[in-house]
């Protein structure tokens, strides 16, 4: 997996965390849920990349 994709997956997880925190602060449950979903999606992509790399080497 190239470095660009790894950074993109990490950025997606970080954006999700920030969105979740912003939703919590403002009391916006929808934004909080979207942030949680984005965070999970980014973390899942990171895990998939790590598994691919493990079998590749």
PDB file of N, CA and C in Angstrom:
ATOM      1  N   UNK A   1       0.865  -1.167   0.000  1.00  0.00           N
ATOM      2  CA  UNK A   1       0.000   0.000   0.000  1.00  0.00           C
ATOM      3  C   UNK A   1       0.908   1.224   0.000  1.00  0.00           C
ATOM      4  N   UNK A   2       0.579   2.165  -0.850  1.00  0.00           N
ATOM      5  CA  UNK A   2       1.443   3.344  -0.916  1.00  0.00           C
ATOM      6  C   UNK A   2       1.150   4.316   0.224  1.00  0.00           C
ATOM      7  N   UNK A   3       2.073   5.208   0.424  1.00  0.00           N
ATOM      8  CA  UNK A   3       1.998   6.143   1.545  1.00  0.00           C
ATOM      9  C   UNK A   3       0.803   7.082   1.403  1.00  0.00           C
ATOM     10  N   UNK A   4       0.477   7.472   0.192  1.00  0.00           N
ATOM     11  CA  UNK A   4      -0.642   8.385  -0.033  1.00  0.00           C
ATOM     12  C   UNK A   4      -1.966   7.816   0.447  1.00  0.00           C
ATOM     13  N   UNK A   5      -2.188   6.541   0.161  1.00  0.00           N
ATOM     14  CA  UNK A   5      -3.437   5.912   0.591  1.00  0.00           C
ATOM     15  C   UNK A   5      -3.474   5.752   2.103  1.00  0.00           C
ATOM     16  N   UNK A   6      -2.326   5.405   2.703  1.00  0.00           N
ATOM     17  CA  UNK A   6      -2.282   5.279   4.154  1.00  0.00           C
ATOM     18  C   UNK A   6      -2.604   6.604   4.816  1.00  0.00           C
ATOM     19  N   UNK A   7      -2.054   7.686   4.272  1.00  0.00           N
ATOM     20  CA  UNK A   7      -2.331   9.016   4.827  1.00  0.00           C
ATOM     21  C   UNK A   7      -3.793   9.386   4.643  1.00  0.00           C
ATOM     22  N   UNK A   8      -4.373   9.018   3.511  1.00  0.00           N
ATOM     23  CA  UNK A   8      -5.779   9.326   3.256  1.00  0.00           C
ATOM     24  C   UNK A   8      -6.684   8.585   4.240  1.00  0.00           C
ATOM     25  N   UNK A   9      -6.374   7.320   4.534  1.00  0.00           N
ATOM     26  CA  UNK A   9      -7.174   6.550   5.482  1.00  0.00           C
ATOM     27  C   UNK A   9      -7.051   7.134   6.887  1.00  0.00           C
ATOM     28  N   UNK A  10      -5.850   7.526   7.250  1.00  0.00           N
ATOM     29  CA  UNK A  10      -5.635   8.131   8.563  1.00  0.00           C
ATOM     30  C   UNK A  10      -6.371   9.458   8.658  1.00  0.00           C
ATOM     31  N   UNK A  11      -6.300  10.248   7.593  1.00  0.00           N
ATOM     32  CA  UNK A  11      -6.989  11.539   7.579  1.00  0.00           C
ATOM     33  C   UNK A  11      -8.495  11.355   7.699  1.00  0.00           C
ATOM     34  N   UNK A  12      -9.019  10.322   7.057  1.00  0.00           N
ATOM     35  CA  UNK A  12     -10.458  10.063   7.148  1.00  0.00           C
ATOM     36  C   UNK A  12     -10.864   9.728   8.585  1.00  0.00           C
ATOM     37  N   UNK A  13     -10.042   8.947   9.260  1.00  0.00           N
ATOM     38  CA  UNK A  13     -10.337   8.600  10.654  1.00  0.00           C
ATOM     39  C   UNK A  13     -10.250   9.837  11.550  1.00  0.00           C
ATOM     40  N   UNK A  14      -9.279  10.688  11.302  1.00  0.00           N
ATOM     41  CA  UNK A  14      -9.117  11.906  12.102  1.00  0.00           C
ATOM     42  C   UNK A  14     -10.276  12.866  11.853  1.00  0.00           C
ATOM     43  N   UNK A  15     -10.681  13.004  10.589  1.00  0.00           N
ATOM     44  CA  UNK A  15     -11.837  13.861  10.271  1.00  0.00           C
ATOM     45  C   UNK A  15     -13.083  13.346  10.970  1.00  0.00           C
ATOM     46  N   UNK A  16     -13.244  12.025  10.994  1.00  0.00           N
ATOM     47  CA  UNK A  16     -14.391  11.436  11.681  1.00  0.00           C
ATOM     48  C   UNK A  16     -14.378  11.745  13.163  1.00  0.00           C
ATOM     49  N   UNK A  17     -13.194  11.669  13.774  1.00  0.00           N
ATOM     50  CA  UNK A  17     -13.080  11.989  15.204  1.00  0.00           C
ATOM     51  C   UNK A  17     -13.441  13.443  15.465  1.00  0.00           C
ATOM     52  N   UNK A  18     -12.957  14.323  14.607  1.00  0.00           N
ATOM     53  CA  UNK A  18     -13.242  15.747  14.774  1.00  0.00           C
ATOM     54  C   UNK A  18     -14.725  16.038  14.582  1.00  0.00           C
ATOM     55  N   UNK A  19     -15.318  15.400  13.586  1.00  0.00           N
ATOM     56  CA  UNK A  19     -16.745  15.593  13.322  1.00  0.00           C
ATOM     57  C   UNK A  19     -17.590  15.078  14.488  1.00  0.00           C
ATOM     58  N   UNK A  20     -17.180  13.948  15.033  1.00  0.00           N
ATOM     59  CA  UNK A  20     -17.892  13.379  16.179  1.00  0.00           C
ATOM     60  C   UNK A  20     -17.801  14.319  17.383  1.00  0.00           C
ATOM     61  N   UNK A  21     -16.618  14.855  17.632  1.00  0.00           N
ATOM     62  CA  UNK A  21     -16.427  15.772  18.762  1.00  0.00           C
ATOM     63  C   UNK A  21     -17.231  17.051  18.561  1.00  0.00           C
ATOM     64  N   UNK A  22     -17.238  17.573  17.342  1.00  0.00           N
ATOM     65  CA  UNK A  22     -17.998  18.788  17.054  1.00  0.00           C
ATOM     66  C   UNK A  22     -19.489  18.537  17.249  1.00  0.00           C
ATOM     67  N   UNK A  23     -19.961  17.376  16.810  1.00  0.00           N
ATOM     68  CA  UNK A  23     -21.361  17.028  17.014  1.00  0.00           C
ATOM     69  C   UNK A  23     -21.712  16.921  18.483  1.00  0.00           C
ATOM     70  N   UNK A  24     -20.783  16.385  19.272  1.00  0.00           N
ATOM     71  CA  UNK A  24     -21.016  16.250  20.713  1.00  0.00           C
ATOM     72  C   UNK A  24     -21.081  17.627  21.371  1.00  0.00           C
ATOM     73  N   UNK A  25     -20.179  18.529  20.972  1.00  0.00           N
ATOM     74  CA  UNK A  25     -20.133  19.869  21.574  1.00  0.00           C
ATOM     75  C   UNK A  25     -21.384  20.666  21.224  1.00  0.00           C
ATOM     76  N   UNK A  26     -21.816  20.573  19.970  1.00  0.00           N
ATOM     77  CA  UNK A  26     -22.970  21.358  19.533  1.00  0.00           C
ATOM     78  C   UNK A  26     -24.302  20.687  19.860  1.00  0.00           C
ATOM     79  N   UNK A  27     -24.257  19.429  20.273  1.00  0.00           N
ATOM     80  CA  UNK A  27     -25.498  18.720  20.576  1.00  0.00           C
ATOM     81  C   UNK A  27     -26.186  18.185  19.331  1.00  0.00           C
ATOM     82  N   UNK A  28     -25.469  18.133  18.224  1.00  0.00           N
ATOM     83  CA  UNK A  28     -26.027  17.656  16.960  1.00  0.00           C
ATOM     84  C   UNK A  28     -25.775  16.149  16.855  1.00  0.00           C
ATOM     85  N   UNK A  29     -26.797  15.361  17.124  1.00  0.00           N
ATOM     86  CA  UNK A  29     -26.649  13.902  17.123  1.00  0.00           C
ATOM     87  C   UNK A  29     -26.344  13.352  15.737  1.00  0.00           C
ATOM     88  N   UNK A  30     -26.890  13.978  14.711  1.00  0.00           N
ATOM     89  CA  UNK A  30     -26.656  13.495  13.351  1.00  0.00           C
ATOM     90  C   UNK A  30     -25.180  13.647  12.984  1.00  0.00           C
ATOM     91  N   UNK A  31     -24.592  14.801  13.280  1.00  0.00           N
ATOM     92  CA  UNK A  31     -23.190  15.025  12.976  1.00  0.00           C
ATOM     93  C   UNK A  31     -22.322  14.074  13.791  1.00  0.00           C
ATOM     94  N   UNK A  32     -22.706  13.855  15.024  1.00  0.00           N
ATOM     95  CA  UNK A  32     -21.959  12.947  15.896  1.00  0.00           C
ATOM     96  C   UNK A  32     -21.976  11.531  15.310  1.00  0.00           C
ATOM     97  N   UNK A  33     -23.127  11.091  14.821  1.00  0.00           N
ATOM     98  CA  UNK A  33     -23.245   9.755  14.233  1.00  0.00           C
ATOM     99  C   UNK A  33     -22.451   9.653  12.929  1.00  0.00           C
ATOM    100  N   UNK A  34     -22.497  10.695  12.109  1.00  0.00           N
ATOM    101  CA  UNK A  34     -21.725  10.695  10.868  1.00  0.00           C
ATOM    102  C   UNK A  34     -20.233  10.640  11.162  1.00  0.00           C
ATOM    103  N   UNK A  35     -19.807  11.378  12.162  1.00  0.00           N
ATOM    104  CA  UNK A  35     -18.400  11.372  12.552  1.00  0.00           C
ATOM    105  C   UNK A  35     -17.961  10.005  13.029  1.00  0.00           C
ATOM    106  N   UNK A  36     -18.812   9.365  13.806  1.00  0.00           N
ATOM    107  CA  UNK A  36     -18.496   8.019  14.280  1.00  0.00           C
ATOM    108  C   UNK A  36     -18.370   7.062  13.094  1.00  0.00           C
ATOM    109  N   UNK A  37     -19.280   7.175  12.148  1.00  0.00           N
ATOM    110  CA  UNK A  37     -19.239   6.322  10.954  1.00  0.00           C
ATOM    111  C   UNK A  37     -17.980   6.554  10.135  1.00  0.00           C
ATOM    112  N   UNK A  38     -17.602   7.821   9.952  1.00  0.00           N
ATOM    113  CA  UNK A  38     -16.393   8.142   9.191  1.00  0.00           C
ATOM    114  C   UNK A  38     -15.150   7.603   9.895  1.00  0.00           C
ATOM    115  N   UNK A  39     -15.134   7.706  11.213  1.00  0.00           N
ATOM    116  CA  UNK A  39     -13.989   7.217  11.983  1.00  0.00           C
ATOM    117  C   UNK A  39     -13.864   5.705  11.822  1.00  0.00           C
ATOM    118  N   UNK A  40     -14.976   5.003  11.948  1.00  0.00           N
ATOM    119  CA  UNK A  40     -14.962   3.553  11.816  1.00  0.00           C
ATOM    120  C   UNK A  40     -14.530   3.153  10.404  1.00  0.00           C
ATOM    121  N   UNK A  41     -15.029   3.859   9.408  1.00  0.00           N
ATOM    122  CA  UNK A  41     -14.678   3.551   8.027  1.00  0.00           C
ATOM    123  C   UNK A  41     -13.179   3.743   7.786  1.00  0.00           C
ATOM    124  N   UNK A  42     -12.623   4.836   8.289  1.00  0.00           N
ATOM    125  CA  UNK A  42     -11.195   5.084   8.141  1.00  0.00           C
ATOM    126  C   UNK A  42     -10.359   4.045   8.849  1.00  0.00           C
ATOM    127  N   UNK A  43     -10.764   3.677  10.059  1.00  0.00           N
ATOM    128  CA  UNK A  43     -10.029   2.649  10.807  1.00  0.00           C
ATOM    129  C   UNK A  43     -10.113   1.288  10.122  1.00  0.00           C
ATOM    130  N   UNK A  44     -11.259   0.985   9.535  1.00  0.00           N
ATOM    131  CA  UNK A  44     -11.423  -0.285   8.825  1.00  0.00           C
ATOM    132  C   UNK A  44     -10.518  -0.332   7.605  1.00  0.00           C
ATOM    133  N   UNK A  45     -10.444   0.763   6.883  1.00  0.00           N
ATOM    134  CA  UNK A  45      -9.558   0.821   5.716  1.00  0.00           C
ATOM    135  C   UNK A  45      -8.099   0.674   6.133  1.00  0.00           C
ATOM    136  N   UNK A  46      -7.729   1.278   7.251  1.00  0.00           N
ATOM    137  CA  UNK A  46      -6.363   1.139   7.751  1.00  0.00           C
ATOM    138  C   UNK A  46      -6.067  -0.318   8.093  1.00  0.00           C
ATOM    139  N   UNK A  47      -6.997  -0.977   8.745  1.00  0.00           N
ATOM    140  CA  UNK A  47      -6.807  -2.381   9.118  1.00  0.00           C
ATOM    141  C   UNK A  47      -6.677  -3.260   7.882  1.00  0.00           C
ATOM    142  N   UNK A  48      -7.510  -3.000   6.891  1.00  0.00           N
ATOM    143  CA  UNK A  48      -7.432  -3.752   5.639  1.00  0.00           C
ATOM    144  C   UNK A  48      -6.087  -3.575   4.962  1.00  0.00           C
ATOM    145  N   UNK A  49      -5.572  -2.367   4.995  1.00  0.00           N
ATOM    146  CA  UNK A  49      -4.259  -2.102   4.400  1.00  0.00           C
ATOM    147  C   UNK A  49      -3.155  -2.840   5.148  1.00  0.00           C
ATOM    148  N   UNK A  50      -3.256  -2.875   6.462  1.00  0.00           N
ATOM    149  CA  UNK A  50      -2.247  -3.585   7.260  1.00  0.00           C
ATOM    150  C   UNK A  50      -2.274  -5.078   6.982  1.00  0.00           C
ATOM    151  N   UNK A  51      -3.455  -5.635   6.821  1.00  0.00           N
ATOM    152  CA  UNK A  51      -3.584  -7.065   6.512  1.00  0.00           C
ATOM    153  C   UNK A  51      -2.988  -7.358   5.141  1.00  0.00           C
ATOM    154  N   UNK A  52      -3.291  -6.516   4.168  1.00  0.00           N
ATOM    155  CA  UNK A  52      -2.726  -6.701   2.834  1.00  0.00           C
ATOM    156  C   UNK A  52      -1.205  -6.652   2.874  1.00  0.00           C
ATOM    157  N   UNK A  53      -0.663  -5.690   3.604  1.00  0.00           N
ATOM    158  CA  UNK A  53       0.775  -5.565   3.704  1.00  0.00           C
ATOM    159  C   UNK A  53       1.405  -6.776   4.398  1.00  0.00           C
ATOM    160  N   UNK A  54       0.734  -7.324   5.393  1.00  0.00           N
ATOM    161  CA  UNK A  54       1.252  -8.486   6.110  1.00  0.00           C
ATOM    162  C   UNK A  54       1.362  -9.699   5.187  1.00  0.00           C
ATOM    163  N   UNK A  55       0.387  -9.899   4.323  1.00  0.00           N
ATOM    164  CA  UNK A  55       0.431 -11.036   3.421  1.00  0.00           C
ATOM    165  C   UNK A  55       1.345 -10.776   2.228  1.00  0.00           C
ATOM    166  N   UNK A  56       1.602  -9.553   1.933  1.00  0.00           N
ATOM    167  CA  UNK A  56       2.442  -9.197   0.803  1.00  0.00           C
ATOM    168  C   UNK A  56       3.920  -9.449   1.106  1.00  0.00           C
ATOM    169  N   UNK A  57       4.314  -9.326   2.376  1.00  0.00           N
ATOM    170  CA  UNK A  57       5.738  -9.443   2.737  1.00  0.00           C
ATOM    171  C   UNK A  57       6.040 -10.766   3.327  1.00  0.00           C
TER     172      UNK A  57
END
